[in-house]
Amino acid sequence: MIRIRRDIRDMQAYPIQDAAGMVKLDAMENPYRLPAALQAHLGQRLGALAVNRYPDSRINDLRHALADYAQMPEGFDIMLGNGSDELITLLALACDVPPSAVSDHKSAVMLAPLPGFVMYAISAQLQGLQFVGVPLTPDFELDEAAMLAAIALHKPAITYLAYPNNPTANLWDDSAIENIVNAVGQQGGLVVMDEAYQPFASKSYINRIARHSHVLLMRTLSKFGLAGVRLGYMMGPKTLIAEIDKVRPPYNISVLNCECALFALENKDVFAAQAQDLIAQRAIVLEALQTMPSVKCWKSDANMILARVADSTKTFEAMKAHGVLVKNVSKMHPLLANCLRLTVGTADENQLMLAALEKSL
């Protein structure tokens, strides 16, 4: 028998739903394509690239542009990944078992609140780490006491705090975050603030990151509007980024990805206007959901809304039959029982989604 790891045989691949012919509101994508004039301009730039050569110093141009865009603090550096997923994998590769726990743990521990982004746990498993999930409260807030107890017990090498969280779309309490960050630092671990949905959030951790030498801030251009480009970036103290960068594969960002990202940053006002439109649409969708007596929804700081219905499986399938694809997250965690995750789309897409939901309840 071919020697595939047993745990790999037992796991399932990351599911991607077939969206052919559907109103696609399942993956938190920006629904807007580039305006025609920008499409033509970008096509010219991509066509002129030396695709026969490995990426060169143009990658550093992108790093500097992202640092300026994010207002990265002095003394920090930036590392690029093929989406946030690669950065999560590289962090898992780089982390170590706490010295005080070598005799108790065969592998390092990665810790995160649950429900949360599934790639944290998947990455931990694939890299041979122990993943510890700490349940949120029933209202999807951080359980600060439980988090602090888990940190003291497991001494995690990495603690992830998604800000806002996926799939619950909420921000965490500031004081709870700081207490958790300080507790992880005292144990010698890293904290990763995952700001994938920053373009739609009312707050960012960027102004607090410089207070700590063990905190990294991770973002992606996927929600900015470039999900197809696959470009994530991570900021942190220079010495820390230098260590993690040692496990990054050479040339992990293609010349095409790099040029697309630079082009988008040069036209950031276009994408900012799109984000503002989606924020306005989010408010309209939330207001409509609140009028549906059999739906409970939660405030969102992302481009998605978590909604609980009486029967998520029946509602999900009925919405598909009406041509609208959302995400049934009800099996991800007990706290998400009968929950659907609705991506915020264009005004027309949202109206189709709301109509399909109302017919499907």
Foldseek 3Di string as FASTA:
>chain_A
DPDDDPVVVVDDDDDDDDQVQFLEWADQFAFDDDPPVLVVVLVVVVVPDPQVDFDDCLLVVLQVLVCVVLVADPQKGKDKALAVLRVLLLLLVQFAAQPVCVVPDVAAEEEEEPPFDPSNVVSCVVSVHHYYYHYDPLLRERPLVSLLVCCVVRLHQEYEDEALTPPAQHGYDPVSVVVNCVSSVVSVHAYEYEDQFVLQAPDDCSVVQVVDQRYKYKYACRNLRPVVLRMIMIMHRPVVCVSSCVSDDPSNHGPSSSSVSVSCSVVSVVSSVSSVQLNVLVVVLVVLQVVDPQKDWDDHSGQKIKIAGPAQVQLQVQLVVLRHHHAQCCPVDVSSNRITITGRYHPVSSVSSSVSNVVRD
